[in-house]
Amino acid sequence: MPSYDTIIIGGGTNGLACAARLAKAGKRVLVLEATERAGGGATGAALAPDLAPMPLAHLLTTLDPRVLDGMELERHGLSYAAAGIATTALSATGDHLVLEGPAGAALSGSIDDAGRSAWEALRQRLMGFADALAPFRAVTPPRIARKAGNDNLKLARIGLGLRRLGQEEFREFLRMALINIADVLEDELADDRLRGLVAFDAVLGAWLGPRSPNSLILYLNRLAGEAAGTRAALAVPQGGMGAVADAMARSAEAAGVTLRTGARVGRVLIEADRACGVILADGEEIRAGLVVSAVGPKATFLDLVGVRHLDTGFVRRATNIRARGGAAKLHLALKGAPDFRGADLATRLVIAPDIASVEEAFNATKYGEVPQRPVMEIVLPKAHEREAGGGHVLSAIVQFAPHAPRAGLEEARSRMLTNTLGVLEDYAPGIGGLITHSELLMPQDIEARYGMAGGNWHHAELSVEQMLFLRPFAEVAQYATPIAGLWLAGAGSHPGGGVSGAAGWNAAERILSGVAA
């Protein structure tokens, strides 16, 4: 008899959320994590011996409330150094724009009344759409087929929420949903700083530019995540993002989950066309009634399962999952606080001066080149601490980075660092003289360090053709797979990645519902 009811492959935030939910329902759960610390992208490596590890994620933005409350994370040590932090749209002249509150409800800086009114009108409309979409994040994606086993009551409630927008707003939602964000911003707003910030946020972590079709739906998805997310949206956890991972690990173990780190899975054990356990890279065999993969769907099917267990069409669809990473992660150890021309360092700092700057950065990467003027999001975690003197670590997500650089990885990395530091120098004169250590993770490095296919932190690109009931593709969009006993629970499933745990929690709910797999 197997020692465990369920084996979960991958101890990232989704794997831990799935494990805790199943354990709380009385299941015997084993989580196998390949690295020495659970947490996935919420953990990282030290930039220098005297510095704390720097994770891939640097801001807590979308922790699912079911995970936050269901895992009792605050009881297990999660607290916040700062919560609800503002965003500063940086100007190279020091004429910054600051947005505070949900989706920038309060705006300060040199902008006229007409500009404020235009932003408030657009923000209210988009937040209305996002609020209506937010409940989709907590349901199993519907299957478009007769007798598909959909939760029709939940779907009806969500549909009613969309209809409550009113006929005119619902029609406007249908018109706007699949267009590009740049057209909307140019039609509705006049301030380049505001346009650039929203354009940047819309495509953050995506393989799209603001003029790409369907880029607006990604911004609505981001807002929907904030609407459905943690009470501490845009928060800096006390102790860094690793503290989120540690709290989730403690919670899972307190619920009865067995967590093994340094345990790399070599393949899923399949007998009589059913998943019945795993074989570790060192040859150890572990059996269970169910196997849940919280790693990427491509790696799950093509590497851990193997093509001999799948039909040709399925293998083709799995192979064609798009997972191009377009973001680099920069860490700079600084011997003092930088000066971004007077900007408040205890805010999220964004360098994206206008729509064109975001689009031009994407255009370069489409052809394997490094952008001359990258755009970026910057956080200085120590600025949120009470004792903020001394050195700092600057953490930045830099867009866009070439997924397949023509010049080779090392040459592209060198150019990317040079160009990024050049932009930073324009916005924070003298910052180059403060740098004592630097690290730039290209998409290839992110893939190698965190196991994310293509360096994409969602494990599969978020795009309209890979969302909801098409994520990662239709046959496996409801977390179950064609192999009995094998489930998906990672960021490559609905609703995607980020440090939320939503996909893992959704998968656990689907498993507990009794749907056969």
Protein backbone atom coordinates (compact mmCIF):
# COMPACT_ATOMS: atom_id res chain seq x y z
CA MET A 1 0.00 0.00 0.00
CA PRO A 2 1.45 3.44 -0.92
CA SER A 3 2.71 5.54 1.96
CA TYR A 4 1.05 8.65 0.50
CA ASP A 5 -2.24 9.49 -1.13
CA THR A 6 -0.62 12.22 -3.26
CA ILE A 7 2.86 13.14 -4.42
CA ILE A 8 3.35 16.73 -5.52
CA ILE A 9 6.28 17.46 -7.80
CA GLY A 10 7.65 20.94 -7.11
CA GLY A 11 7.65 22.87 -3.84
CA GLY A 12 7.00 26.32 -5.26
CA THR A 13 4.12 28.43 -4.02
CA ASN A 14 1.56 26.54 -6.12
CA GLY A 15 2.86 23.15 -5.02
CA LEU A 16 2.76 24.19 -1.36
CA ALA A 17 -0.74 25.67 -1.69
CA CYS A 18 -2.03 22.51 -3.35
CA ALA A 19 -0.37 20.32 -0.71
CA ALA A 20 -1.79 22.29 2.21
CA ARG A 21 -5.32 22.25 0.79
CA LEU A 22 -5.21 18.48 0.24
CA ALA A 23 -3.65 17.81 3.64
CA LYS A 24 -6.30 19.87 5.39
CA ALA A 25 -8.86 17.61 3.69
CA GLY A 26 -7.22 14.59 5.29
CA LYS A 27 -4.94 13.46 2.48
CA ARG A 28 -1.43 12.11 3.10
CA VAL A 29 0.74 14.36 0.94
CA LEU A 30 4.42 14.31 0.01
CA VAL A 31 6.02 17.34 -1.68
CA LEU A 32 9.25 16.76 -3.59
CA GLU A 33 11.36 19.86 -4.24
CA ALA A 34 14.52 19.61 -6.33
CA THR A 35 16.36 22.48 -4.64
CA GLU A 36 17.42 22.80 -1.02
CA ARG A 37 14.67 25.28 -0.13
CA ALA A 38 10.98 25.27 -1.01
CA GLY A 39 9.40 28.35 -2.51
CA GLY A 40 10.33 28.52 -6.19
CA GLY A 41 10.57 32.08 -7.50
CA ALA A 42 10.00 33.49 -4.01
CA THR A 43 13.49 32.32 -3.05
CA GLY A 44 16.89 33.16 -4.50
CA ALA A 45 20.65 33.15 -4.14
CA ALA A 46 22.86 35.59 -2.25
CA LEU A 47 24.39 38.37 -4.33
CA ALA A 48 27.36 38.50 -1.95
CA PRO A 49 28.34 36.58 1.21
CA ASP A 50 27.11 39.33 3.54
CA LEU A 51 23.78 39.89 1.74
CA ALA A 52 20.46 38.10 2.03
CA PRO A 53 19.30 35.89 -0.89
CA MET A 54 17.61 37.85 -3.68
CA PRO A 55 14.51 36.15 -5.13
CA LEU A 56 13.07 36.29 -8.62
CA ALA A 57 9.93 37.95 -7.23
CA HIS A 58 10.52 41.10 -5.21
CA LEU A 59 7.01 42.33 -4.43
CA LEU A 60 4.01 40.50 -3.06
CA THR A 61 1.14 41.54 -5.33
CA THR A 62 -1.41 38.78 -5.81
CA LEU A 63 -1.37 36.28 -2.93
CA ASP A 64 -4.74 34.55 -3.23
CA PRO A 65 -6.92 35.23 -0.15
CA ARG A 66 -7.92 31.54 -0.02
CA VAL A 67 -4.23 30.71 0.35
CA LEU A 68 -3.52 33.53 2.80
CA ASP A 69 -6.42 32.59 5.06
CA GLY A 70 -6.64 28.84 4.38
CA MET A 71 -2.94 28.34 5.16
CA GLU A 72 -3.07 30.83 8.06
CA LEU A 73 0.14 32.37 6.76
CA GLU A 74 0.16 35.26 9.21
CA ARG A 75 0.00 32.75 12.08
CA HIS A 76 2.96 30.98 10.51
CA GLY A 77 5.13 34.08 10.44
CA LEU A 78 4.11 36.17 7.44
CA SER A 79 4.14 39.89 8.17
CA TYR A 80 4.82 42.99 6.12
CA ALA A 81 7.60 45.55 6.22
CA ALA A 82 5.35 47.74 4.08
CA ALA A 83 1.91 47.19 2.58
CA GLY A 84 -0.03 49.02 -0.08
CA ILE A 85 3.07 50.80 -1.37
CA ALA A 86 2.72 53.50 -4.02
CA THR A 87 4.13 53.46 -7.55
CA THR A 88 6.31 56.29 -8.88
CA ALA A 89 6.46 56.85 -12.63
CA LEU A 90 9.98 58.25 -12.80
CA SER A 91 10.96 61.22 -14.90
CA ALA A 92 14.54 61.88 -16.00
CA THR A 93 13.98 65.52 -15.04
CA GLY A 94 12.64 64.76 -11.55
CA ASP A 95 9.05 65.59 -12.54
CA HIS A 96 7.72 62.31 -11.17
CA LEU A 97 4.15 61.06 -11.01
CA VAL A 98 3.01 59.05 -7.97
CA LEU A 99 0.04 56.68 -7.89
CA GLU A 100 -1.35 55.34 -4.61
CA GLY A 101 -4.18 53.03 -3.68
CA PRO A 102 -5.84 50.30 -5.79
CA ALA A 103 -4.75 50.67 -9.42
CA GLY A 104 -3.58 54.23 -8.74
CA ALA A 105 -6.75 55.65 -7.22
CA ALA A 106 -4.86 58.67 -5.87
CA LEU A 107 -2.54 60.51 -8.24
CA SER A 108 -0.04 63.23 -7.32
CA GLY A 109 2.42 65.22 -9.37
CA SER A 110 2.33 67.86 -12.07
CA ILE A 111 -0.76 66.85 -13.98
CA ASP A 112 -3.69 69.11 -14.80
CA ASP A 113 -7.30 68.59 -13.75
CA ALA A 114 -8.28 67.31 -17.19
CA GLY A 115 -5.56 64.67 -16.99
CA ARG A 116 -6.66 63.60 -13.53
CA SER A 117 -10.27 63.33 -14.62
CA ALA A 118 -9.34 61.31 -17.71
CA TRP A 119 -7.31 58.89 -15.62
CA GLU A 120 -10.05 58.49 -13.03
CA ALA A 121 -12.63 57.74 -15.73
CA LEU A 122 -10.40 55.17 -17.43
CA ARG A 123 -9.33 53.62 -14.13
CA GLN A 124 -12.92 53.24 -12.93
CA ARG A 125 -13.96 51.59 -16.20
CA LEU A 126 -11.03 49.15 -16.24
CA MET A 127 -11.45 48.33 -12.54
CA GLY A 128 -15.12 47.61 -13.18
CA PHE A 129 -14.11 45.12 -15.87
CA ALA A 130 -11.42 43.65 -13.60
CA ASP A 131 -13.80 43.24 -10.66
CA ALA A 132 -16.17 41.30 -12.92
CA LEU A 133 -13.32 39.08 -14.14
CA ALA A 134 -11.70 38.48 -10.73
CA PRO A 135 -13.97 35.55 -9.71
CA PHE A 136 -12.75 33.59 -12.77
CA ARG A 137 -9.39 33.21 -11.02
CA ALA A 138 -10.90 31.00 -8.32
CA VAL A 139 -12.78 28.54 -10.54
CA THR A 140 -11.85 25.62 -12.73
CA PRO A 141 -11.87 26.90 -16.33
CA PRO A 142 -15.05 25.82 -18.10
CA ARG A 143 -14.82 23.19 -20.79
CA ILE A 144 -16.61 24.12 -23.98
CA ALA A 145 -18.46 20.85 -24.53
CA ARG A 146 -21.74 19.18 -23.67
CA LYS A 147 -21.85 17.33 -20.33
CA ALA A 148 -18.40 18.70 -19.52
CA GLY A 149 -18.89 18.68 -15.76
CA ASN A 150 -18.61 22.45 -15.40
CA ASP A 151 -19.65 24.13 -12.17
CA ASN A 152 -22.57 25.87 -13.83
CA LEU A 153 -23.74 27.61 -10.66
CA LYS A 154 -20.39 29.36 -10.16
CA LEU A 155 -20.18 30.23 -13.85
CA ALA A 156 -23.72 31.63 -13.76
CA ARG A 157 -22.79 33.87 -10.83
CA ILE A 158 -19.75 35.15 -12.70
CA GLY A 159 -21.83 35.72 -15.83
CA LEU A 160 -24.33 37.66 -13.74
CA GLY A 161 -21.47 39.80 -12.45
CA LEU A 162 -20.52 40.67 -16.02
CA ARG A 163 -24.12 41.49 -16.88
CA ARG A 164 -24.30 43.79 -13.86
CA LEU A 165 -21.87 46.06 -15.66
CA GLY A 166 -24.93 47.25 -17.55
CA GLN A 167 -25.64 46.92 -21.25
CA GLU A 168 -23.46 49.82 -22.35
CA GLU A 169 -20.47 48.87 -20.19
CA PHE A 170 -20.79 45.20 -21.09
CA ARG A 171 -20.75 46.13 -24.78
CA GLU A 172 -17.70 48.31 -24.13
CA PHE A 173 -16.02 45.42 -22.33
CA LEU A 174 -16.54 43.16 -25.35
CA ARG A 175 -15.18 45.87 -27.65
CA MET A 176 -12.09 46.58 -25.60
CA ALA A 177 -11.14 43.14 -24.29
CA LEU A 178 -9.07 41.99 -27.26
CA ILE A 179 -7.56 45.26 -28.48
CA ASN A 180 -4.14 46.63 -27.64
CA ILE A 181 -3.45 48.75 -24.58
CA ALA A 182 -1.60 51.46 -26.54
CA ASP A 183 -4.69 52.45 -28.55
CA VAL A 184 -6.76 52.77 -25.38
CA LEU A 185 -4.14 54.87 -23.61
CA GLU A 186 -3.66 57.18 -26.58
CA ASP A 187 -7.41 57.66 -26.92
CA GLU A 188 -8.06 58.31 -23.23
CA LEU A 189 -4.91 59.86 -21.70
CA ALA A 190 -2.59 62.71 -22.60
CA ASP A 191 0.21 62.34 -20.02
CA ASP A 192 3.17 60.33 -21.37
CA ARG A 193 4.34 59.29 -17.89
CA LEU A 194 0.96 57.77 -17.13
CA ARG A 195 0.71 56.15 -20.53
CA GLY A 196 4.18 54.64 -20.19
CA LEU A 197 3.50 53.28 -16.70
CA VAL A 198 0.23 51.57 -17.65
CA ALA A 199 1.74 50.21 -20.89
CA PHE A 200 4.64 48.77 -18.89
CA ASP A 201 2.35 47.17 -16.31
CA ALA A 202 0.19 45.64 -19.02
CA VAL A 203 3.08 43.69 -20.58
CA LEU A 204 5.19 43.02 -17.47
CA GLY A 205 6.39 39.42 -17.73
CA ALA A 206 4.70 38.90 -21.11
CA TRP A 207 5.97 38.33 -24.63
CA LEU A 208 3.93 41.22 -26.01
CA GLY A 209 4.43 44.92 -26.59
CA PRO A 210 1.77 47.52 -25.80
CA ARG A 211 0.82 47.66 -29.50
CA SER A 212 0.44 43.90 -29.76
CA PRO A 213 -3.14 42.66 -30.18
CA ASN A 214 -4.76 41.45 -26.95
CA SER A 215 -2.39 43.36 -24.67
CA LEU A 216 -5.31 45.08 -22.89
CA ILE A 217 -6.63 41.75 -21.58
CA LEU A 218 -3.29 41.21 -19.83
CA TYR A 219 -3.72 44.51 -17.97
CA LEU A 220 -7.25 43.50 -16.99
CA ASN A 221 -5.86 40.16 -15.79
CA ARG A 222 -3.30 42.00 -13.67
CA LEU A 223 -6.01 44.23 -12.18
CA ALA A 224 -8.24 41.21 -11.61
CA GLY A 225 -5.41 39.58 -9.67
CA GLU A 226 -5.11 42.66 -7.49
CA ALA A 227 -8.89 42.81 -7.05
CA ALA A 228 -8.99 39.15 -5.96
CA GLY A 229 -5.65 39.18 -4.21
CA THR A 230 -4.06 39.72 -0.86
CA ARG A 231 -5.15 42.38 1.58
CA ALA A 232 -1.56 43.61 1.35
CA ALA A 233 -1.38 44.12 -2.42
CA LEU A 234 1.93 45.64 -3.52
CA ALA A 235 3.60 44.70 -0.26
CA VAL A 236 7.16 44.07 0.88
CA PRO A 237 7.12 41.08 3.26
CA GLN A 238 9.15 41.36 6.44
CA GLY A 239 12.30 39.37 5.72
CA GLY A 240 11.79 39.51 1.95
CA MET A 241 9.90 37.24 -0.42
CA GLY A 242 11.66 34.21 1.02
CA ALA A 243 9.63 34.78 4.16
CA VAL A 244 6.46 34.08 2.16
CA ALA A 245 7.90 30.78 0.98
CA ASP A 246 9.00 29.87 4.51
CA ALA A 247 5.57 30.67 5.97
CA MET A 248 3.90 28.51 3.30
CA ALA A 249 6.31 25.64 3.99
CA ARG A 250 5.68 25.85 7.75
CA SER A 251 1.93 25.93 7.19
CA ALA A 252 2.00 22.92 4.88
CA GLU A 253 4.06 20.89 7.34
CA ALA A 254 1.77 21.92 10.21
CA ALA A 255 -1.15 20.57 8.15
CA GLY A 256 0.62 17.21 7.91
CA VAL A 257 2.45 17.55 4.59
CA THR A 258 5.81 15.78 4.29
CA LEU A 259 8.23 18.14 2.56
CA ARG A 260 11.45 16.77 1.07
CA THR A 261 13.96 19.19 -0.43
CA GLY A 262 16.94 18.18 -2.54
CA ALA A 263 14.70 15.50 -4.10
CA ARG A 264 14.71 15.85 -7.88
CA VAL A 265 12.11 13.77 -9.72
CA GLY A 266 13.49 11.92 -12.72
CA ARG A 267 10.22 10.60 -14.12
CA VAL A 268 6.62 9.84 -13.32
CA LEU A 269 5.98 6.15 -12.75
CA ILE A 270 3.18 4.94 -15.03
CA GLU A 271 1.72 1.45 -14.90
CA ALA A 272 -1.34 0.22 -16.80
CA ASP A 273 -1.77 3.75 -18.20
CA ARG A 274 -2.05 5.25 -14.73
CA ALA A 275 0.35 7.47 -12.75
CA CYS A 276 1.18 5.60 -9.55
CA GLY A 277 4.28 7.34 -8.24
CA VAL A 278 7.63 8.82 -9.18
CA ILE A 279 11.22 7.74 -9.56
CA LEU A 280 13.77 10.23 -8.24
CA ALA A 281 16.91 11.18 -10.12
CA ASP A 282 18.92 8.95 -7.73
CA GLY A 283 16.71 5.95 -8.54
CA GLU A 284 14.48 5.94 -5.45
CA GLU A 285 10.92 4.87 -6.19
CA ILE A 286 7.99 6.41 -4.29
CA ARG A 287 4.39 5.34 -4.88
CA ALA A 288 1.12 7.18 -4.33
CA GLY A 289 -2.48 7.11 -5.47
CA LEU A 290 -2.17 10.44 -7.30
CA VAL A 291 0.71 12.46 -8.76
CA VAL A 292 0.35 16.25 -9.06
CA SER A 293 2.89 18.21 -11.07
CA ALA A 294 3.42 21.81 -10.00
CA VAL A 295 6.26 22.28 -12.48
CA GLY A 296 5.77 23.48 -16.06
CA PRO A 297 3.43 21.54 -18.36
CA LYS A 298 6.10 21.12 -21.04
CA ALA A 299 8.55 19.59 -18.58
CA THR A 300 5.78 17.45 -17.09
CA PHE A 301 4.67 15.85 -20.34
CA LEU A 302 7.84 15.79 -22.41
CA ASP A 303 10.41 15.04 -19.70
CA LEU A 304 8.73 13.48 -16.65
CA VAL A 305 6.03 11.48 -18.44
CA GLY A 306 7.69 10.90 -21.81
CA VAL A 307 6.21 10.83 -25.28
CA ARG A 308 5.71 7.05 -25.34
CA HIS A 309 2.80 7.46 -22.93
CA LEU A 310 1.07 10.16 -25.00
CA ASP A 311 -0.54 10.22 -28.42
CA THR A 312 1.07 12.11 -31.28
CA GLY A 313 -1.41 14.98 -31.36
CA PHE A 314 -1.08 15.55 -27.63
CA VAL A 315 2.72 15.60 -27.87
CA ARG A 316 2.51 18.16 -30.66
CA ARG A 317 0.25 20.41 -28.60
CA ALA A 318 2.49 20.09 -25.55
CA THR A 319 5.56 20.87 -27.65
CA ASN A 320 3.85 23.96 -29.06
CA ILE A 321 3.10 25.55 -25.68
CA ARG A 322 4.70 28.99 -25.96
CA ALA A 323 6.89 29.89 -23.00
CA ARG A 324 9.21 32.68 -24.13
CA GLY A 325 10.61 34.67 -21.25
CA GLY A 326 11.11 38.34 -22.05
CA ALA A 327 12.27 39.74 -18.72
CA ALA A 328 15.67 39.93 -17.05
CA LYS A 329 16.21 40.23 -13.30
CA LEU A 330 18.83 42.71 -12.07
CA HIS A 331 20.32 42.88 -8.58
CA LEU A 332 22.73 45.63 -7.59
CA ALA A 333 24.46 45.81 -4.22
CA LEU A 334 24.94 49.52 -3.42
CA LYS A 335 27.11 51.05 -0.72
CA GLY A 336 24.61 53.84 -0.19
CA ALA A 337 21.11 54.98 -1.09
CA PRO A 338 20.70 56.09 -4.73
CA ASP A 339 18.98 59.37 -5.56
CA PHE A 340 16.33 59.03 -8.24
CA ARG A 341 16.07 62.80 -8.52
CA GLY A 342 14.16 63.10 -5.26
CA ALA A 343 11.79 60.15 -5.73
CA ASP A 344 10.62 58.33 -2.62
CA LEU A 345 12.69 55.12 -2.44
CA ALA A 346 9.95 53.45 -0.39
CA THR A 347 7.76 53.25 -3.50
CA ARG A 348 7.78 50.98 -6.52
CA LEU A 349 9.83 52.86 -9.09
CA VAL A 350 9.05 52.44 -12.80
CA ILE A 351 11.15 53.70 -15.69
CA ALA A 352 8.89 53.71 -18.76
CA PRO A 353 8.75 57.31 -20.02
CA ASP A 354 6.09 56.69 -22.69
CA ILE A 355 4.39 54.03 -24.78
CA ALA A 356 7.05 54.20 -27.49
CA SER A 357 9.85 53.37 -25.06
CA VAL A 358 8.08 50.16 -24.00
CA GLU A 359 7.29 49.19 -27.59
CA GLU A 360 10.81 49.89 -28.84
CA ALA A 361 12.29 47.74 -26.07
CA PHE A 362 10.03 44.87 -27.16
CA ASN A 363 10.77 45.39 -30.84
CA ALA A 364 14.47 44.76 -30.26
CA THR A 365 13.92 41.48 -28.47
CA LYS A 366 11.59 40.15 -31.17
CA TYR A 367 14.66 39.99 -33.41
CA GLY A 368 17.06 38.63 -30.81
CA GLU A 369 18.63 42.02 -30.03
CA VAL A 370 19.20 43.82 -26.75
CA PRO A 371 17.15 47.04 -26.37
CA GLN A 372 19.16 50.23 -26.26
CA ARG A 373 16.87 51.73 -23.62
CA PRO A 374 15.30 48.99 -21.48
CA VAL A 375 12.29 49.80 -19.30
CA MET A 376 12.07 48.49 -15.76
CA GLU A 377 10.42 48.15 -12.36
CA ILE A 378 12.68 48.87 -9.36
CA VAL A 379 12.34 48.06 -5.67
CA LEU A 380 14.80 48.82 -2.85
CA PRO A 381 13.64 46.53 -0.02
CA LYS A 382 15.78 48.17 2.67
CA ALA A 383 14.05 51.51 2.05
CA HIS A 384 11.01 49.98 3.76
CA GLU A 385 12.89 49.11 6.93
CA ARG A 386 12.96 51.38 9.96
CA GLU A 387 16.75 51.40 10.10
CA ALA A 388 17.45 52.23 6.48
CA GLY A 389 21.01 53.54 6.68
CA GLY A 390 24.05 51.96 5.05
CA GLY A 391 24.01 49.83 1.91
CA HIS A 392 21.06 48.86 -0.25
CA VAL A 393 20.22 46.17 -2.76
CA LEU A 394 18.38 47.37 -5.84
CA SER A 395 16.11 44.72 -7.35
CA ALA A 396 14.72 45.36 -10.83
CA ILE A 397 12.67 43.51 -13.45
CA VAL A 398 14.08 44.71 -16.75
CA GLN A 399 12.06 44.52 -19.96
CA PHE A 400 12.67 43.26 -22.49
CA ALA A 401 15.45 40.69 -22.71
CA PRO A 402 16.04 38.59 -25.83
CA HIS A 403 14.82 35.04 -25.46
CA ALA A 404 17.15 33.81 -28.22
CA PRO A 405 19.95 36.42 -28.49
CA ARG A 406 21.66 36.58 -31.87
CA ALA A 407 24.98 37.60 -30.35
CA GLY A 408 25.09 34.71 -27.88
CA LEU A 409 24.09 34.66 -24.24
CA GLU A 410 27.20 36.16 -22.66
CA GLU A 411 27.47 39.00 -25.17
CA ALA A 412 23.75 39.75 -24.75
CA ARG A 413 24.09 39.70 -20.96
CA SER A 414 26.99 42.17 -21.12
CA ARG A 415 25.10 44.54 -23.43
CA MET A 416 21.93 44.22 -21.37
CA LEU A 417 23.78 45.17 -18.20
CA THR A 418 25.57 48.07 -19.88
CA ASN A 419 22.38 49.47 -21.40
CA THR A 420 20.39 49.03 -18.19
CA LEU A 421 23.04 50.78 -16.11
CA GLY A 422 23.06 53.60 -18.67
CA VAL A 423 19.32 54.13 -18.21
CA LEU A 424 19.68 53.98 -14.42
CA GLU A 425 22.43 56.61 -14.53
CA ASP A 426 20.09 59.00 -16.36
CA TYR A 427 17.43 58.63 -13.68
CA ALA A 428 19.74 58.31 -10.65
CA PRO A 429 22.97 60.21 -11.45
CA GLY A 430 25.97 58.70 -9.70
CA ILE A 431 24.43 55.29 -9.10
CA GLY A 432 27.28 53.61 -10.98
CA GLY A 433 29.72 54.75 -8.31
CA LEU A 434 27.64 53.06 -5.58
CA ILE A 435 27.69 49.56 -7.09
CA THR A 436 29.75 46.94 -5.27
CA HIS A 437 28.21 43.77 -6.76
CA SER A 438 25.87 43.09 -9.67
CA GLU A 439 23.91 40.15 -11.03
CA LEU A 440 21.81 40.06 -14.19
CA LEU A 441 19.68 36.98 -14.82
CA MET A 442 18.69 36.59 -18.46
CA PRO A 443 15.68 34.39 -19.35
CA GLN A 444 18.05 31.47 -19.88
CA ASP A 445 19.46 31.92 -16.36
CA ILE A 446 15.97 32.10 -14.89
CA GLU A 447 15.11 28.82 -16.62
CA ALA A 448 18.28 27.15 -15.32
CA ARG A 449 17.94 28.43 -11.73
CA TYR A 450 14.19 28.08 -11.24
CA GLY A 451 13.21 25.44 -13.79
CA MET A 452 10.84 27.81 -15.59
CA ALA A 453 10.47 26.87 -19.25
CA GLY A 454 11.99 29.53 -21.47
CA GLY A 455 12.61 31.71 -18.42
CA ASN A 456 8.90 32.60 -18.36
CA TRP A 457 7.74 32.88 -14.74
CA HIS A 458 4.24 31.77 -15.75
CA HIS A 459 5.68 28.47 -17.16
CA ALA A 460 3.61 29.25 -20.26
CA GLU A 461 3.01 32.67 -21.78
CA LEU A 462 -0.05 34.56 -20.65
CA SER A 463 -1.79 35.41 -23.90
CA VAL A 464 -5.41 35.26 -24.96
CA GLU A 465 -4.86 31.93 -26.73
CA GLN A 466 -3.24 30.46 -23.58
CA MET A 467 -5.64 31.68 -20.92
CA LEU A 468 -8.67 30.33 -19.07
CA PHE A 469 -10.05 27.21 -20.86
CA LEU A 470 -7.09 27.26 -23.27
CA ARG A 471 -4.39 27.20 -20.56
CA PRO A 472 -1.97 25.62 -21.31
CA PHE A 473 -4.16 23.95 -23.97
CA ALA A 474 -7.74 22.76 -24.00
CA GLU A 475 -7.28 19.07 -23.12
CA VAL A 476 -5.55 19.82 -19.81
CA ALA A 477 -7.10 23.17 -18.90
CA GLN A 478 -9.09 21.66 -16.02
CA TYR A 479 -5.96 20.42 -14.19
CA ALA A 480 -6.66 16.75 -15.01
CA THR A 481 -4.59 15.08 -17.75
CA PRO A 482 -5.28 12.17 -20.14
CA ILE A 483 -3.14 9.96 -17.88
CA ALA A 484 -5.28 8.71 -15.01
CA GLY A 485 -3.96 9.81 -11.65
CA LEU A 486 -1.85 12.67 -13.04
CA TRP A 487 -2.80 16.31 -12.44
CA LEU A 488 -1.34 19.74 -13.14
CA ALA A 489 -1.11 22.45 -10.46
CA GLY A 490 1.61 24.86 -11.57
CA ALA A 491 1.74 28.36 -13.01
CA GLY A 492 1.27 26.92 -16.50
CA SER A 493 -2.34 26.22 -15.53
CA HIS A 494 -5.13 28.73 -14.91
CA PRO A 495 -4.84 31.49 -13.70
CA GLY A 496 -1.06 31.67 -14.21
CA GLY A 497 1.97 32.57 -12.13
CA GLY A 498 3.12 35.16 -9.68
CA VAL A 499 3.38 34.41 -5.97
CA SER A 500 -0.32 33.69 -5.54
CA GLY A 501 -0.82 29.96 -5.07
CA ALA A 502 -4.12 30.26 -6.98
CA ALA A 503 -3.39 27.56 -9.56
CA GLY A 504 -2.32 25.09 -6.88
CA TRP A 505 -5.37 25.80 -4.72
CA ASN A 506 -7.69 25.50 -7.73
CA ALA A 507 -6.14 22.16 -8.68
CA ALA A 508 -6.61 20.84 -5.13
CA GLU A 509 -10.25 21.91 -5.14
CA ARG A 510 -10.74 20.12 -8.46
CA ILE A 511 -9.13 16.94 -7.12
CA LEU A 512 -11.26 17.04 -3.97
CA SER A 513 -14.43 17.54 -6.02
CA GLY A 514 -14.18 13.88 -7.05
CA VAL A 515 -13.68 14.49 -10.78
CA ALA A 516 -12.00 11.39 -12.19
CA ALA A 517 -8.47 11.64 -13.52
